[in-house]
Amino acid sequence: MIGRLAHIWRYPIKGHGAEPLEGVTLTQAKALPFDRVWAVTHEGSKPVGDAWITCANFSRGAKAPQLMAITSHLDEATGQITLRHPARPDLTFDPETTPEALIEWVRPLIPADRAASVGLARVPGVALTDTAFPSISLNNLATNRSVADALGQPLSPLRWRGNLWFDGLAPFEEFEWVGRRLSLGGAELTVRERITRCLATTANPETGMRDADTLGALQENWGHQQFGVYAEVTKSGPVTVNDKITVLT
């Protein structure tokens, strides 16, 4: 089973913008570098301490679909992040020193019946992914095409907010990777579990409007609401777009 790495995406602020990469160095027992480093708290959030907490404590596309249309760029040299959205002016700010700029910028994107965003959280050394372990999400373009075919409409892969995207596989072949060790570029990963999806995937990442019943399509056609898998880096190394992925064990 061999596929090709087609895309790399990171999300410096959880739920607030996707950023493409051409290459990255993966580190053992770490998430993708600068992925989900920050997350936006809301009025109902529990206090964020020095450990991972669940995604329910953060503003995200499942509750506020307009957030899905944000794109981002992190300048690693300066620490500044630039966010773009079709209904908002571009914003460049430093999440460490001026988080209030983000809260003001995002305010119109949060539905009135949802908890308002109030702050920006960071847990040093901990990626605020949807798993308690430092995960990287692996996704299959063929699986995305199958769901799109079931719905009868095109689906941007960005709906699934994945890190690594592969081509050259059979639909849902990635599910066979659970419990197995993979080689990718100079790194190795062990796949831990399937990803159960939420309402964020129903929103169009170009418009921020819910326009596709992705969850219904998965349930009706495949009997579940899972798409992609979570993996953990077990050997550090560089990976770049077009690298081959191989199942080792």
Protein backbone atom coordinates (compact mmCIF):
# COMPACT_ATOMS: atom_id res chain seq x y z
CA MET A 1 0.00 0.00 0.00
CA ILE A 2 1.79 3.09 -1.25
CA GLY A 3 0.40 6.58 -1.71
CA ARG A 4 1.75 10.07 -2.32
CA LEU A 5 1.65 13.05 0.04
CA ALA A 6 -0.39 15.63 -1.87
CA HIS A 7 -0.94 18.40 0.69
CA ILE A 8 0.30 19.57 4.09
CA TRP A 9 -1.91 21.90 6.14
CA ARG A 10 -1.51 23.41 9.57
CA TYR A 11 -3.89 25.44 11.72
CA PRO A 12 -1.91 27.73 14.06
CA ILE A 13 -5.09 28.89 15.83
CA LYS A 14 -7.49 26.00 16.33
CA GLY A 15 -10.61 26.48 14.19
CA HIS A 16 -9.38 29.83 12.85
CA GLY A 17 -7.61 29.39 9.56
CA ALA A 18 -5.82 26.86 7.40
CA GLU A 19 -2.28 27.34 6.07
CA PRO A 20 -0.62 25.23 3.32
CA LEU A 21 2.98 24.06 3.60
CA GLU A 22 5.37 22.47 1.11
CA GLY A 23 7.43 20.67 3.73
CA VAL A 24 7.87 20.27 7.46
CA THR A 25 10.03 18.40 9.94
CA LEU A 26 8.04 16.04 12.15
CA THR A 27 9.26 15.37 15.68
CA GLN A 28 8.67 12.21 17.70
CA ALA A 29 5.73 12.52 20.10
CA LYS A 30 4.85 16.00 18.82
CA ALA A 31 2.05 17.37 16.68
CA LEU A 32 2.76 19.11 13.37
CA PRO A 33 4.94 22.16 14.12
CA PHE A 34 2.84 25.23 14.98
CA ASP A 35 -0.41 23.27 14.57
CA ARG A 36 -3.17 24.21 17.03
CA VAL A 37 -0.72 26.12 19.21
CA TRP A 38 -3.46 28.57 20.18
CA ALA A 39 -7.21 28.18 20.62
CA VAL A 40 -9.99 30.72 21.16
CA THR A 41 -11.92 30.42 24.41
CA HIS A 42 -15.57 31.38 24.74
CA GLU A 43 -17.95 32.47 27.48
CA GLY A 44 -18.64 28.88 28.54
CA SER A 45 -15.05 27.63 28.53
CA LYS A 46 -13.53 25.94 31.54
CA PRO A 47 -10.27 27.50 32.77
CA VAL A 48 -7.30 26.53 30.60
CA GLY A 49 -4.42 25.36 32.77
CA ASP A 50 -1.22 23.58 31.89
CA ALA A 51 -2.73 20.48 30.28
CA TRP A 52 -4.77 19.51 27.22
CA ILE A 53 -8.54 20.09 27.40
CA THR A 54 -11.36 19.10 25.05
CA CYS A 55 -12.46 21.04 21.99
CA ALA A 56 -15.81 21.92 23.62
CA ASN A 57 -13.94 24.67 25.45
CA PHE A 58 -13.03 26.50 22.24
CA SER A 59 -14.76 28.44 19.48
CA ARG A 60 -14.77 26.32 16.31
CA GLY A 61 -16.54 25.62 13.04
CA ALA A 62 -18.98 23.09 14.50
CA LYS A 63 -20.73 25.92 16.36
CA ALA A 64 -19.78 28.89 14.18
CA PRO A 65 -19.58 27.80 10.52
CA GLN A 66 -18.27 31.18 9.31
CA LEU A 67 -14.98 30.34 11.02
CA MET A 68 -14.43 27.65 8.40
CA ALA A 69 -13.81 30.32 5.73
CA ILE A 70 -10.74 31.75 7.50
CA THR A 71 -7.30 31.23 5.99
CA SER A 72 -4.12 31.96 7.89
CA HIS A 73 -0.40 32.56 7.56
CA LEU A 74 2.05 32.35 10.45
CA ASP A 75 5.31 34.25 10.10
CA GLU A 76 7.57 32.02 12.18
CA ALA A 77 10.29 34.69 12.32
CA THR A 78 8.10 37.42 13.83
CA GLY A 79 5.37 35.35 15.48
CA GLN A 80 2.69 37.35 13.69
CA ILE A 81 -0.36 35.70 12.15
CA THR A 82 -2.34 37.05 9.20
CA LEU A 83 -5.98 35.98 8.91
CA ARG A 84 -8.26 36.41 5.91
CA HIS A 85 -12.02 35.92 5.53
CA PRO A 86 -14.36 36.88 2.66
CA ALA A 87 -16.51 39.03 4.98
CA ARG A 88 -13.76 40.64 7.06
CA PRO A 89 -10.73 42.87 6.40
CA ASP A 90 -7.38 41.14 6.64
CA LEU A 91 -5.92 41.03 10.14
CA THR A 92 -2.24 40.77 11.09
CA PHE A 93 -1.55 40.48 14.81
CA ASP A 94 0.68 38.89 17.42
CA PRO A 95 -1.26 36.21 19.34
CA GLU A 96 1.09 36.55 22.32
CA THR A 97 0.85 40.33 22.76
CA THR A 98 -2.39 41.49 21.08
CA PRO A 99 -4.93 38.65 21.35
CA GLU A 100 -7.72 41.20 21.78
CA ALA A 101 -7.29 42.13 18.11
CA LEU A 102 -8.40 38.63 17.13
CA ILE A 103 -11.38 38.64 19.50
CA GLU A 104 -12.66 41.90 18.05
CA TRP A 105 -12.04 40.74 14.46
CA VAL A 106 -13.86 37.43 14.90
CA ARG A 107 -16.86 38.84 16.78
CA PRO A 108 -19.11 39.26 13.67
CA LEU A 109 -18.42 35.64 12.64
CA ILE A 110 -19.93 34.10 15.79
CA PRO A 111 -23.72 33.45 15.68
CA ALA A 112 -25.73 35.50 18.16
CA ASP A 113 -27.10 32.33 19.79
CA ARG A 114 -23.62 30.93 20.47
CA ALA A 115 -21.17 31.70 23.26
CA ALA A 116 -19.06 34.69 22.29
CA SER A 117 -15.30 34.34 21.90
CA VAL A 118 -13.45 35.97 24.81
CA GLY A 119 -9.75 35.08 24.76
CA LEU A 120 -6.83 33.23 23.28
CA ALA A 121 -5.41 30.20 25.09
CA ARG A 122 -2.06 28.46 24.82
CA VAL A 123 -0.68 25.52 26.79
CA PRO A 124 3.14 25.55 26.48
CA GLY A 125 4.40 22.39 24.82
CA VAL A 126 0.89 21.06 24.17
CA ALA A 127 -0.92 21.10 20.83
CA LEU A 128 -4.65 21.77 21.31
CA THR A 129 -5.72 19.09 18.85
CA ASP A 130 -8.91 17.07 19.26
CA THR A 131 -6.98 14.23 20.94
CA ALA A 132 -5.34 13.99 24.33
CA PHE A 133 -2.19 12.69 22.63
CA PRO A 134 -0.09 14.79 20.17
CA SER A 135 -1.84 13.77 16.97
CA ILE A 136 -1.39 14.46 13.29
CA SER A 137 -4.41 13.77 11.10
CA LEU A 138 -3.95 11.71 7.92
CA ASN A 139 -6.57 11.98 5.19
CA ASN A 140 -7.26 10.39 1.84
CA LEU A 141 -8.27 12.38 -1.25
CA ALA A 142 -10.00 9.30 -2.68
CA THR A 143 -12.21 9.13 0.42
CA ASN A 144 -13.10 12.80 -0.06
CA ARG A 145 -14.02 12.11 -3.68
CA SER A 146 -16.25 9.21 -2.61
CA VAL A 147 -18.16 11.40 -0.16
CA ALA A 148 -18.47 14.11 -2.81
CA ASP A 149 -19.84 11.56 -5.29
CA ALA A 150 -22.37 10.36 -2.71
CA LEU A 151 -23.55 13.93 -2.21
CA GLY A 152 -23.47 14.80 -5.91
CA GLN A 153 -21.42 17.94 -5.32
CA PRO A 154 -17.73 18.88 -5.10
CA LEU A 155 -16.19 18.96 -1.62
CA SER A 156 -13.08 20.91 -0.72
CA PRO A 157 -10.71 18.78 1.36
CA LEU A 158 -10.43 21.77 3.70
CA ARG A 159 -13.81 20.85 5.16
CA TRP A 160 -12.05 18.08 7.07
CA ARG A 161 -9.29 20.30 8.51
CA GLY A 162 -6.66 17.60 8.04
CA ASN A 163 -2.87 17.90 8.30
CA LEU A 164 -1.54 15.40 5.76
CA TRP A 165 -3.45 14.47 2.60
CA PHE A 166 -2.60 11.48 0.42
CA ASP A 167 -3.45 10.49 -3.14
CA GLY A 168 -3.07 7.19 -4.95
CA LEU A 169 -5.02 5.17 -2.37
CA ALA A 170 -8.37 3.39 -2.49
CA PRO A 171 -11.30 5.09 -0.74
CA PHE A 172 -11.17 4.54 3.04
CA GLU A 173 -7.91 2.60 2.70
CA GLU A 174 -6.55 4.74 5.53
CA PHE A 175 -8.81 2.87 7.98
CA GLU A 176 -6.64 -0.21 7.38
CA TRP A 177 -3.69 1.71 8.84
CA VAL A 178 -5.02 1.77 12.42
CA GLY A 179 -2.46 0.05 14.65
CA ARG A 180 0.15 0.03 11.90
CA ARG A 181 3.46 1.84 11.38
CA LEU A 182 3.99 4.05 8.34
CA SER A 183 7.04 5.51 6.61
CA LEU A 184 6.73 9.01 5.15
CA GLY A 185 9.76 10.91 3.89
CA GLY A 186 12.31 10.74 6.69
CA ALA A 187 9.70 10.19 9.40
CA GLU A 188 7.64 7.31 10.75
CA LEU A 189 4.17 7.44 12.24
CA THR A 190 1.94 4.97 14.06
CA VAL A 191 -1.77 5.26 13.36
CA ARG A 192 -3.84 5.31 16.53
CA GLU A 193 -7.53 5.68 15.65
CA ARG A 194 -10.18 6.76 13.18
CA ILE A 195 -11.52 10.31 13.30
CA THR A 196 -15.21 10.81 14.09
CA ARG A 197 -16.43 13.97 12.40
CA CYS A 198 -18.61 16.90 13.50
CA LEU A 199 -20.79 19.63 11.97
CA ALA A 200 -17.76 21.71 10.99
CA THR A 201 -17.45 19.55 7.87
CA THR A 202 -20.88 20.67 6.62
CA ALA A 203 -19.62 24.24 6.08
CA ASN A 204 -18.09 25.42 2.81
CA PRO A 205 -14.53 26.69 3.50
CA GLU A 206 -14.91 29.34 0.79
CA THR A 207 -18.18 30.86 2.04
CA GLY A 208 -18.57 29.70 5.65
CA MET A 209 -22.11 28.51 4.83
CA ARG A 210 -23.41 25.04 5.66
CA ASP A 211 -24.19 23.52 2.28
CA ALA A 212 -23.36 19.79 2.39
CA ASP A 213 -24.67 17.02 4.64
CA THR A 214 -21.31 15.33 4.99
CA LEU A 215 -22.29 13.51 8.18
CA GLY A 216 -25.51 12.21 6.65
CA ALA A 217 -23.64 10.98 3.58
CA LEU A 218 -21.13 9.09 5.70
CA GLN A 219 -23.84 7.54 7.85
CA GLU A 220 -26.14 6.59 4.97
CA ASN A 221 -23.47 5.17 2.68
CA TRP A 222 -20.89 3.73 5.09
CA GLY A 223 -22.72 3.35 8.40
CA HIS A 224 -20.53 5.72 10.42
CA GLN A 225 -19.42 9.35 10.62
CA GLN A 226 -15.68 8.73 10.40
CA PHE A 227 -13.20 10.24 7.96
CA GLY A 228 -9.40 10.07 8.19
CA VAL A 229 -7.20 8.77 10.99
CA TYR A 230 -5.09 10.16 13.81
CA ALA A 231 -1.41 9.20 13.97
CA GLU A 232 1.48 9.84 16.31
CA VAL A 233 5.04 10.52 15.15
CA THR A 234 7.30 7.68 16.30
CA LYS A 235 10.45 8.68 14.38
CA SER A 236 11.49 12.27 13.66
CA GLY A 237 12.30 13.38 10.15
CA PRO A 238 11.49 15.75 7.28
CA VAL A 239 8.47 15.29 5.01
CA THR A 240 7.63 17.17 1.83
CA VAL A 241 4.81 17.21 -0.69
CA ASN A 242 5.13 14.27 -3.14
CA ASP A 243 6.85 12.02 -0.59
CA LYS A 244 5.70 8.38 -0.72
CA ILE A 245 3.88 6.79 2.21
CA THR A 246 4.48 3.10 2.85
CA VAL A 247 2.98 0.71 5.40
CA LEU A 248 5.90 -0.90 7.27
CA THR A 249 4.18 -3.21 9.77
